[in-house]
Amino acid sequence: MKTLPNDQFIDIMRSQARKIFSKSGRVCADDLRTYCGQHEIRPESTNAWGCVFKTGDWRPIGYRSSLTPSRKGGVQRIWARA
């Protein structure tokens, strides 16, 4: 697993979130975690996850329980472009 600087990680995740949204009309953190697992990347700090959708061009459209084992069913937002 490769650890990326937070700013680089956030840029990659934002780009990937836009791609996922353009295909499915929604995106959530689990979608991005799947991408990270496939590409074997992670941020320096887990706090980086909280920055991905804080750009003003995303809006929450719902909630669901995470399917990622490390999240232990924690609630996450489902996002769409604003």
N, C-alpha and C. Protein backbone atom coordinates (compact mmCIF):
# COMPACT_ATOMS: atom_id res chain seq x y z
N MET A 1 0.86 -1.18 0.00
CA MET A 1 0.00 0.00 0.00
C MET A 1 0.90 1.24 0.00
N LYS A 2 0.63 2.14 -0.90
CA LYS A 2 1.42 3.36 -1.01
C LYS A 2 0.72 4.51 -0.28
N THR A 3 1.44 5.18 0.59
CA THR A 3 0.91 6.34 1.31
C THR A 3 1.22 7.61 0.52
N LEU A 4 0.18 8.38 0.23
CA LEU A 4 0.33 9.62 -0.54
C LEU A 4 0.20 10.83 0.37
N PRO A 5 0.89 11.92 0.02
CA PRO A 5 0.67 13.18 0.76
C PRO A 5 -0.82 13.53 0.68
N ASN A 6 -1.36 14.08 1.74
CA ASN A 6 -2.80 14.36 1.79
C ASN A 6 -3.29 15.18 0.61
N ASP A 7 -2.57 16.23 0.23
CA ASP A 7 -3.06 17.07 -0.87
C ASP A 7 -3.12 16.29 -2.18
N GLN A 8 -2.16 15.44 -2.45
CA GLN A 8 -2.17 14.62 -3.66
C GLN A 8 -3.33 13.60 -3.59
N PHE A 9 -3.50 12.98 -2.43
CA PHE A 9 -4.58 12.02 -2.24
C PHE A 9 -5.94 12.67 -2.48
N ILE A 10 -6.14 13.85 -1.91
CA ILE A 10 -7.42 14.56 -2.05
C ILE A 10 -7.69 14.89 -3.51
N ASP A 11 -6.68 15.36 -4.23
CA ASP A 11 -6.85 15.66 -5.66
C ASP A 11 -7.28 14.42 -6.44
N ILE A 12 -6.64 13.30 -6.17
CA ILE A 12 -6.98 12.05 -6.85
C ILE A 12 -8.41 11.63 -6.52
N MET A 13 -8.77 11.71 -5.25
CA MET A 13 -10.11 11.30 -4.83
C MET A 13 -11.18 12.21 -5.43
N ARG A 14 -10.92 13.51 -5.50
CA ARG A 14 -11.90 14.43 -6.10
C ARG A 14 -12.09 14.12 -7.57
N SER A 15 -11.02 13.84 -8.27
CA SER A 15 -11.10 13.48 -9.68
C SER A 15 -11.89 12.18 -9.85
N GLN A 16 -11.59 11.21 -9.03
CA GLN A 16 -12.29 9.93 -9.11
C GLN A 16 -13.76 10.08 -8.75
N ALA A 17 -14.07 10.92 -7.77
CA ALA A 17 -15.47 11.15 -7.39
C ALA A 17 -16.25 11.72 -8.57
N ARG A 18 -15.67 12.66 -9.30
CA ARG A 18 -16.33 13.22 -10.48
C ARG A 18 -16.58 12.14 -11.53
N LYS A 19 -15.62 11.26 -11.74
CA LYS A 19 -15.77 10.18 -12.73
C LYS A 19 -16.89 9.23 -12.32
N ILE A 20 -16.90 8.84 -11.05
CA ILE A 20 -17.94 7.94 -10.56
C ILE A 20 -19.31 8.60 -10.70
N PHE A 21 -19.39 9.87 -10.31
CA PHE A 21 -20.67 10.58 -10.41
C PHE A 21 -21.15 10.65 -11.85
N SER A 22 -20.26 10.91 -12.78
CA SER A 22 -20.67 11.03 -14.18
C SER A 22 -21.22 9.71 -14.73
N LYS A 23 -20.82 8.60 -14.15
CA LYS A 23 -21.31 7.29 -14.59
C LYS A 23 -22.58 6.86 -13.86
N SER A 24 -22.68 7.17 -12.56
CA SER A 24 -23.77 6.62 -11.77
C SER A 24 -24.75 7.65 -11.21
N GLY A 25 -24.40 8.94 -11.28
CA GLY A 25 -25.28 9.97 -10.76
C GLY A 25 -25.20 10.16 -9.25
N ARG A 26 -24.28 9.45 -8.61
CA ARG A 26 -24.08 9.58 -7.17
C ARG A 26 -22.72 9.00 -6.83
N VAL A 27 -22.20 9.34 -5.65
CA VAL A 27 -20.92 8.81 -5.20
C VAL A 27 -20.90 8.85 -3.67
N CYS A 28 -20.20 7.88 -3.07
CA CYS A 28 -20.03 7.87 -1.63
C CYS A 28 -18.60 7.46 -1.30
N ALA A 29 -18.24 7.61 -0.05
CA ALA A 29 -16.87 7.31 0.35
C ALA A 29 -16.49 5.85 0.09
N ASP A 30 -17.45 4.93 0.20
CA ASP A 30 -17.14 3.53 -0.09
C ASP A 30 -16.68 3.35 -1.53
N ASP A 31 -17.27 4.11 -2.46
CA ASP A 31 -16.84 4.03 -3.86
C ASP A 31 -15.37 4.41 -3.97
N LEU A 32 -14.99 5.45 -3.25
CA LEU A 32 -13.60 5.91 -3.30
C LEU A 32 -12.67 4.96 -2.56
N ARG A 33 -13.14 4.37 -1.49
CA ARG A 33 -12.33 3.39 -0.77
C ARG A 33 -12.07 2.16 -1.64
N THR A 34 -13.05 1.78 -2.44
CA THR A 34 -12.86 0.67 -3.38
C THR A 34 -11.75 1.01 -4.37
N TYR A 35 -11.79 2.22 -4.90
CA TYR A 35 -10.75 2.68 -5.82
C TYR A 35 -9.38 2.62 -5.15
N CYS A 36 -9.30 3.08 -3.91
CA CYS A 36 -8.02 3.07 -3.18
C CYS A 36 -7.51 1.64 -3.01
N GLY A 37 -8.39 0.72 -2.70
CA GLY A 37 -7.99 -0.66 -2.55
C GLY A 37 -7.46 -1.26 -3.84
N GLN A 38 -8.12 -0.92 -4.94
CA GLN A 38 -7.70 -1.43 -6.24
C GLN A 38 -6.35 -0.86 -6.67
N HIS A 39 -6.08 0.39 -6.27
CA HIS A 39 -4.84 1.06 -6.68
C HIS A 39 -3.81 1.10 -5.56
N GLU A 40 -4.15 0.48 -4.44
CA GLU A 40 -3.25 0.36 -3.30
C GLU A 40 -2.66 1.69 -2.85
N ILE A 41 -3.56 2.65 -2.63
CA ILE A 41 -3.15 3.97 -2.12
C ILE A 41 -3.93 4.30 -0.86
N ARG A 42 -3.35 5.17 -0.05
CA ARG A 42 -4.02 5.67 1.15
C ARG A 42 -3.42 7.03 1.48
N PRO A 43 -4.16 7.84 2.26
CA PRO A 43 -3.63 9.16 2.62
C PRO A 43 -2.68 9.07 3.82
N GLU A 44 -1.86 10.11 3.98
CA GLU A 44 -1.01 10.20 5.17
C GLU A 44 -1.85 10.19 6.44
N SER A 45 -2.96 10.92 6.40
CA SER A 45 -3.84 11.05 7.56
C SER A 45 -5.26 10.66 7.15
N THR A 46 -5.95 9.94 8.00
CA THR A 46 -7.34 9.59 7.70
C THR A 46 -8.24 10.83 7.66
N ASN A 47 -7.76 11.95 8.21
CA ASN A 47 -8.53 13.20 8.14
C ASN A 47 -8.72 13.67 6.70
N ALA A 48 -7.88 13.22 5.78
CA ALA A 48 -7.98 13.63 4.38
C ALA A 48 -9.32 13.24 3.77
N TRP A 49 -9.89 12.14 4.25
CA TRP A 49 -11.19 11.70 3.71
C TRP A 49 -12.26 12.77 3.88
N GLY A 50 -12.21 13.49 4.97
CA GLY A 50 -13.21 14.51 5.24
C GLY A 50 -13.13 15.72 4.34
N CYS A 51 -12.05 15.87 3.60
CA CYS A 51 -11.85 17.02 2.73
C CYS A 51 -12.32 16.79 1.29
N VAL A 52 -12.55 15.56 0.93
CA VAL A 52 -12.82 15.23 -0.47
C VAL A 52 -14.03 15.98 -1.02
N PHE A 53 -15.12 16.03 -0.28
CA PHE A 53 -16.36 16.63 -0.79
C PHE A 53 -16.58 18.06 -0.31
N LYS A 54 -15.59 18.68 0.30
CA LYS A 54 -15.73 20.04 0.83
C LYS A 54 -15.23 21.07 -0.17
N THR A 55 -15.85 21.10 -1.33
CA THR A 55 -15.44 22.04 -2.36
C THR A 55 -16.55 23.01 -2.76
N GLY A 56 -17.75 22.80 -2.27
CA GLY A 56 -18.87 23.66 -2.63
C GLY A 56 -19.61 23.20 -3.86
N ASP A 57 -19.09 22.22 -4.59
CA ASP A 57 -19.79 21.74 -5.78
C ASP A 57 -20.39 20.35 -5.59
N TRP A 58 -20.53 19.94 -4.33
CA TRP A 58 -21.19 18.68 -3.99
C TRP A 58 -22.32 18.96 -3.01
N ARG A 59 -23.38 18.17 -3.07
CA ARG A 59 -24.47 18.28 -2.10
C ARG A 59 -24.87 16.87 -1.67
N PRO A 60 -25.17 16.70 -0.37
CA PRO A 60 -25.61 15.38 0.08
C PRO A 60 -27.03 15.10 -0.41
N ILE A 61 -27.26 13.87 -0.87
CA ILE A 61 -28.60 13.50 -1.34
C ILE A 61 -29.17 12.32 -0.55
N GLY A 62 -28.41 11.83 0.40
CA GLY A 62 -28.89 10.73 1.22
C GLY A 62 -27.79 10.20 2.12
N TYR A 63 -28.14 9.13 2.82
CA TYR A 63 -27.20 8.49 3.75
C TYR A 63 -27.31 6.98 3.60
N ARG A 64 -26.25 6.29 3.96
CA ARG A 64 -26.27 4.83 4.01
C ARG A 64 -25.19 4.35 4.97
N SER A 65 -25.30 3.12 5.36
CA SER A 65 -24.28 2.50 6.20
C SER A 65 -23.11 2.07 5.32
N SER A 66 -21.92 2.31 5.79
CA SER A 66 -20.73 1.91 5.05
C SER A 66 -20.64 0.39 4.99
N LEU A 67 -20.17 -0.11 3.86
CA LEU A 67 -19.94 -1.54 3.68
C LEU A 67 -18.47 -1.89 3.87
N THR A 68 -17.64 -0.88 4.09
CA THR A 68 -16.20 -1.09 4.31
C THR A 68 -15.99 -1.61 5.73
N PRO A 69 -15.37 -2.80 5.87
CA PRO A 69 -15.22 -3.38 7.22
C PRO A 69 -14.59 -2.45 8.25
N SER A 70 -13.58 -1.68 7.86
CA SER A 70 -12.92 -0.81 8.83
C SER A 70 -13.84 0.31 9.34
N ARG A 71 -14.90 0.60 8.61
CA ARG A 71 -15.85 1.64 9.04
C ARG A 71 -16.92 1.09 9.97
N LYS A 72 -17.02 -0.23 10.07
CA LYS A 72 -17.94 -0.91 11.00
C LYS A 72 -19.38 -0.42 10.88
N GLY A 73 -19.82 -0.23 9.65
CA GLY A 73 -21.21 0.17 9.41
C GLY A 73 -21.51 1.62 9.70
N GLY A 74 -20.50 2.45 9.86
CA GLY A 74 -20.71 3.87 10.12
C GLY A 74 -21.51 4.53 9.00
N VAL A 75 -22.29 5.53 9.35
CA VAL A 75 -23.12 6.24 8.38
C VAL A 75 -22.24 7.12 7.50
N GLN A 76 -22.53 7.13 6.21
CA GLN A 76 -21.84 8.01 5.28
C GLN A 76 -22.86 8.68 4.37
N ARG A 77 -22.48 9.83 3.88
CA ARG A 77 -23.36 10.56 2.96
C ARG A 77 -23.22 9.99 1.55
N ILE A 78 -24.30 10.14 0.80
CA ILE A 78 -24.28 9.90 -0.63
C ILE A 78 -24.32 11.27 -1.27
N TRP A 79 -23.43 11.49 -2.23
CA TRP A 79 -23.23 12.83 -2.79
C TRP A 79 -23.62 12.92 -4.26
N ALA A 80 -24.04 14.12 -4.67
CA ALA A 80 -24.28 14.46 -6.07
C ALA A 80 -23.65 15.84 -6.32
N ARG A 81 -23.44 16.14 -7.58
CA ARG A 81 -22.90 17.47 -7.91
C ARG A 81 -23.98 18.51 -7.65
N ALA A 82 -23.57 19.63 -7.11
CA ALA A 82 -24.51 20.71 -6.78
C ALA A 82 -24.95 21.44 -8.04
